[in-house]
């Protein structure tokens, strides 16, 4: 059980938004809080690019990232549905998940999840992506959990679109900036996996641990790992 409360988590995001913040690290913290504070085991963000395709933005684990990438490649799945319809999507139980999303659903179930919930990331007349929440047990989100999950999706949206008044071109640049940070993180995971003989999930955990120990942003820590590797 985490010592942080939902109010503290959302307050931290709000504080970051009104000050200087590094977008990729902020979103990584947000999905981690989401998984810890809701009845969930993992969370991830999937966003639309300027071309209309879907891309992984942030995930709490390598396993979850693989599911999101599979959704993006197939252009199908709970997060894709939430982004396309602008409405929350829920499926509880392996049979329901597989029946609704076929191959994507089987990938979700094979990864050990039995419940999936997706919430749209609204920005005015646009839906720029979705927040996916996964549980290893049959969990139907209700009441305050639904409100909190949508709040996390809304704050993720605000982290991307700030400053206010972005036009479509500016919004595209912000999404590209966030995706660039994710690429740096993926590269650093690969370096740590090679250097420390870790699998990719363990390499991601190591990166998170280093960022927390240094009190730095996740992307900055990833860049330091890459720079150190280049100097060898």
Protein backbone atom coordinates (compact mmCIF):
# COMPACT_ATOMS: atom_id res chain seq x y z
CA UNK A 1 0.00 0.00 0.00
CA UNK A 2 1.45 3.34 -0.98
CA UNK A 3 1.79 6.15 1.53
CA UNK A 4 0.82 8.71 -1.09
CA UNK A 5 -2.80 9.72 -1.45
CA UNK A 6 -4.64 10.58 -4.63
CA UNK A 7 -4.88 14.20 -3.49
CA UNK A 8 -1.10 14.37 -3.01
CA UNK A 9 -0.45 12.77 -6.40
CA UNK A 10 -2.72 15.18 -8.27
CA UNK A 11 -1.36 18.12 -6.27
CA UNK A 12 2.19 17.17 -7.30
CA UNK A 13 1.16 17.11 -10.96
CA UNK A 14 -0.58 20.46 -10.64
CA UNK A 15 2.49 21.95 -8.97
CA UNK A 16 4.69 20.69 -11.80
CA UNK A 17 2.37 22.11 -14.43
CA UNK A 18 2.49 25.66 -13.04
CA UNK A 19 6.28 25.55 -12.86
CA UNK A 20 9.08 24.19 -15.00
CA UNK A 21 8.53 20.53 -15.79
CA UNK A 22 10.09 17.84 -17.95
CA UNK A 23 7.17 16.26 -19.73
CA UNK A 24 8.36 12.66 -20.11
CA UNK A 25 9.38 12.32 -16.47
CA UNK A 26 6.14 13.91 -15.31
CA UNK A 27 4.05 11.47 -17.35
CA UNK A 28 6.09 8.52 -16.08
CA UNK A 29 5.35 9.59 -12.50
CA UNK A 30 1.70 10.07 -13.37
CA UNK A 31 1.15 6.56 -14.74
CA UNK A 32 3.02 5.10 -11.77
CA UNK A 33 0.75 6.96 -9.35
CA UNK A 34 -2.26 5.85 -11.36
CA UNK A 35 -1.33 2.18 -11.02
CA UNK A 36 -0.58 2.55 -7.31
CA UNK A 37 -3.62 4.58 -6.28
CA UNK A 38 -6.27 2.72 -8.26
CA UNK A 39 -7.17 -0.98 -7.99
CA UNK A 40 -4.71 -1.69 -10.81
CA UNK A 41 -1.41 -3.38 -11.51
CA UNK A 42 -0.23 -1.33 -14.50
CA UNK A 43 -1.01 1.79 -16.51
CA UNK A 44 0.05 3.36 -19.79
CA UNK A 45 -0.61 6.28 -22.11
CA UNK A 46 -1.22 5.99 -25.85
CA UNK A 47 -1.39 9.15 -27.98
CA UNK A 48 -2.18 10.15 -31.54
CA UNK A 49 0.60 11.58 -33.66
CA UNK A 50 0.13 14.36 -36.21
CA UNK A 51 -0.44 11.70 -38.88
CA UNK A 52 -3.26 10.10 -36.88
CA UNK A 53 -1.30 6.99 -35.92
CA UNK A 54 -0.99 5.83 -32.34
CA UNK A 55 2.23 5.82 -30.31
CA UNK A 56 3.16 4.69 -26.83
CA UNK A 57 3.87 7.67 -24.61
CA UNK A 58 4.53 6.17 -21.17
CA UNK A 59 4.05 2.86 -19.34
CA UNK A 60 4.69 1.50 -15.87
CA UNK A 61 6.50 -1.60 -17.12
CA UNK A 62 8.06 -3.18 -20.17
CA UNK A 63 5.24 -5.75 -20.29
CA UNK A 64 2.64 -2.99 -20.37
CA UNK A 65 4.60 -1.10 -23.01
CA UNK A 66 4.50 -4.17 -25.25
CA UNK A 67 0.70 -4.31 -24.97
CA UNK A 68 0.38 -0.65 -25.91
CA UNK A 69 2.74 -1.03 -28.85
CA UNK A 70 0.68 -4.00 -30.02
CA UNK A 71 -2.47 -1.84 -29.83
CA UNK A 72 -0.73 0.92 -31.77
CA UNK A 73 0.41 -1.49 -34.51
CA UNK A 74 -3.01 -3.14 -34.77
CA UNK A 75 -4.87 0.18 -34.43
CA UNK A 76 -7.24 -1.70 -32.14
CA UNK A 77 -7.78 -2.25 -28.44
CA UNK A 78 -9.26 -0.52 -25.39
CA UNK A 79 -7.03 2.54 -25.49
CA UNK A 80 -7.56 2.99 -29.23
CA UNK A 81 -11.33 2.70 -28.73
CA UNK A 82 -11.29 5.32 -25.97
CA UNK A 83 -9.29 7.70 -28.16
CA UNK A 84 -11.55 7.19 -31.17
CA UNK A 85 -14.91 7.39 -29.38
CA UNK A 86 -14.02 9.90 -26.67
CA UNK A 87 -15.68 7.64 -24.09
CA UNK A 88 -14.31 5.38 -21.33
CA UNK A 89 -13.97 1.71 -22.21
CA UNK A 90 -14.23 -1.17 -19.72
CA UNK A 91 -13.83 -4.94 -19.95
CA UNK A 92 -13.73 -7.33 -17.00
CA UNK A 93 -12.83 -10.99 -17.37
CA UNK A 94 -10.64 -12.80 -19.88
CA UNK A 95 -13.57 -13.88 -22.05
CA UNK A 96 -14.87 -10.33 -22.39
CA UNK A 97 -11.43 -8.95 -23.23
CA UNK A 98 -10.72 -11.58 -25.89
CA UNK A 99 -14.21 -11.36 -27.40
CA UNK A 100 -13.99 -7.58 -27.80
CA UNK A 101 -10.48 -7.21 -29.16
CA UNK A 102 -9.44 -10.50 -30.73
CA UNK A 103 -5.67 -10.70 -31.08
CA UNK A 104 -5.12 -7.61 -28.95
CA UNK A 105 -7.40 -9.05 -26.30
CA UNK A 106 -5.49 -12.34 -26.31
CA UNK A 107 -2.24 -10.41 -25.91
CA UNK A 108 -3.66 -8.59 -22.87
CA UNK A 109 -4.85 -11.84 -21.27
CA UNK A 110 -1.60 -13.66 -22.08
CA UNK A 111 0.25 -10.87 -20.28
CA UNK A 112 -1.59 -11.78 -17.09
CA UNK A 113 -4.37 -9.19 -17.02
CA UNK A 114 -8.04 -9.91 -16.38
CA UNK A 115 -9.46 -6.37 -16.35
CA UNK A 116 -8.78 -3.39 -18.56
CA UNK A 117 -10.12 0.16 -18.43
CA UNK A 118 -9.32 3.00 -20.82
CA UNK A 119 -10.06 6.71 -20.42
CA UNK A 120 -9.96 9.34 -23.17
CA UNK A 121 -7.57 12.28 -23.08
CA UNK A 122 -9.82 15.17 -24.09
CA UNK A 123 -8.50 18.53 -25.25
CA UNK A 124 -11.37 20.80 -26.26
CA UNK A 125 -12.77 19.33 -29.48
CA UNK A 126 -9.96 16.79 -29.77
CA UNK A 127 -9.20 13.45 -28.18
CA UNK A 128 -5.42 13.20 -28.25
CA UNK A 129 -5.04 9.73 -26.75
CA UNK A 130 -6.03 7.47 -23.90
CA UNK A 131 -5.00 6.24 -20.47
CA UNK A 132 -5.05 2.44 -20.12
CA UNK A 133 -5.35 0.75 -16.72
CA UNK A 134 -4.77 -2.99 -16.29
CA UNK A 135 -5.56 -5.32 -13.38
CA UNK A 136 -4.51 -8.92 -12.82
CA UNK A 137 -7.90 -9.69 -11.23
CA UNK A 138 -11.52 -9.09 -12.20
CA UNK A 139 -11.97 -5.46 -11.14
CA UNK A 140 -14.84 -3.21 -12.18
CA UNK A 141 -13.96 0.41 -11.41
CA UNK A 142 -16.77 2.32 -9.74
CA UNK A 143 -17.48 5.63 -8.01
CA UNK A 144 -14.40 7.56 -6.95
CA UNK A 145 -12.07 5.20 -8.82
CA UNK A 146 -13.69 6.21 -12.11
CA UNK A 147 -13.41 9.89 -11.22
CA UNK A 148 -9.77 9.52 -10.20
CA UNK A 149 -8.85 7.60 -13.35
CA UNK A 150 -10.37 10.26 -15.59
CA UNK A 151 -8.58 12.92 -13.55
CA UNK A 152 -5.25 11.24 -14.25
CA UNK A 153 -6.12 11.18 -17.97
CA UNK A 154 -7.04 14.88 -17.83
CA UNK A 155 -3.81 15.83 -16.07
CA UNK A 156 -1.81 13.84 -18.61
CA UNK A 157 -3.53 15.86 -21.32
CA UNK A 158 -2.69 19.14 -19.60
CA UNK A 159 0.94 18.10 -19.24
CA UNK A 160 1.11 17.66 -23.02
CA UNK A 161 -0.84 20.69 -24.22
CA UNK A 162 0.69 23.33 -21.95
CA UNK A 163 1.14 26.20 -22.52
CA UNK A 164 -2.51 27.00 -23.17
CA UNK A 165 -3.49 28.21 -26.60
CA UNK A 166 -1.52 25.68 -28.62
CA UNK A 167 -2.68 25.35 -32.20
CA UNK A 168 -2.60 21.99 -33.98
CA UNK A 169 1.01 22.49 -35.04
CA UNK A 170 2.08 23.39 -31.51
CA UNK A 171 0.22 20.41 -30.09
CA UNK A 172 2.00 18.17 -32.58
CA UNK A 173 5.34 19.53 -31.40
CA UNK A 174 4.47 18.82 -27.76
CA UNK A 175 3.48 15.25 -28.55
CA UNK A 176 6.70 14.83 -30.54
CA UNK A 177 8.71 16.17 -27.58
CA UNK A 178 7.12 13.65 -25.24
CA UNK A 179 7.71 10.80 -27.69
CA UNK A 180 11.35 11.83 -28.11
CA UNK A 181 11.80 11.50 -24.36
CA UNK A 182 10.34 8.00 -24.46
CA UNK A 183 12.82 7.00 -27.19
CA UNK A 184 15.71 8.13 -24.97
CA UNK A 185 14.31 6.04 -22.11
CA UNK A 186 13.99 2.95 -24.33
CA UNK A 187 17.59 3.36 -25.49
CA UNK A 188 18.82 3.68 -21.91
CA UNK A 189 16.89 0.54 -20.94
CA UNK A 190 18.72 -1.32 -23.69
CA UNK A 191 22.09 -0.06 -22.46
CA UNK A 192 21.38 -1.07 -18.85
CA UNK A 193 20.08 -4.46 -19.96
CA UNK A 194 23.33 -5.08 -21.84
CA UNK A 195 25.67 -3.69 -19.18
CA UNK A 196 24.02 -5.38 -16.19
CA UNK A 197 22.76 -8.56 -17.91
CA UNK A 198 19.14 -7.68 -17.12
CA UNK A 199 15.94 -8.32 -18.98
CA UNK A 200 14.08 -5.23 -20.19
CA UNK A 201 11.57 -5.06 -17.29
CA UNK A 202 14.43 -5.20 -14.76
CA UNK A 203 16.37 -2.59 -16.75
CA UNK A 204 13.39 -0.23 -16.56
CA UNK A 205 13.14 -0.77 -12.81
CA UNK A 206 16.85 0.02 -12.51
CA UNK A 207 16.35 3.25 -14.46
CA UNK A 208 13.48 4.28 -12.19
CA UNK A 209 15.58 3.49 -9.13
CA UNK A 210 18.47 5.63 -10.37
CA UNK A 211 16.17 8.55 -11.14
CA UNK A 212 14.67 8.38 -7.64
CA UNK A 213 18.11 8.08 -6.00
CA UNK A 214 19.46 11.08 -7.92
CA UNK A 215 16.30 13.14 -7.51
CA UNK A 216 16.31 13.76 -11.26
CA UNK A 217 13.84 13.41 -14.10
CA UNK A 218 13.55 10.02 -15.75
CA UNK A 219 14.59 11.38 -19.15
CA UNK A 220 17.62 13.16 -17.69
CA UNK A 221 18.69 9.95 -15.96
CA UNK A 222 18.28 8.07 -19.24
CA UNK A 223 20.43 10.64 -21.05
CA UNK A 224 23.13 10.27 -18.37
CA UNK A 225 23.13 6.50 -18.89
CA UNK A 226 23.58 6.99 -22.65
CA UNK A 227 26.33 9.60 -22.21
CA UNK A 228 28.21 7.34 -19.79
CA UNK A 229 27.99 4.46 -22.27
CA UNK A 230 29.32 6.65 -25.09
CA UNK A 231 32.34 7.66 -22.99
CA UNK A 232 33.38 4.03 -22.47
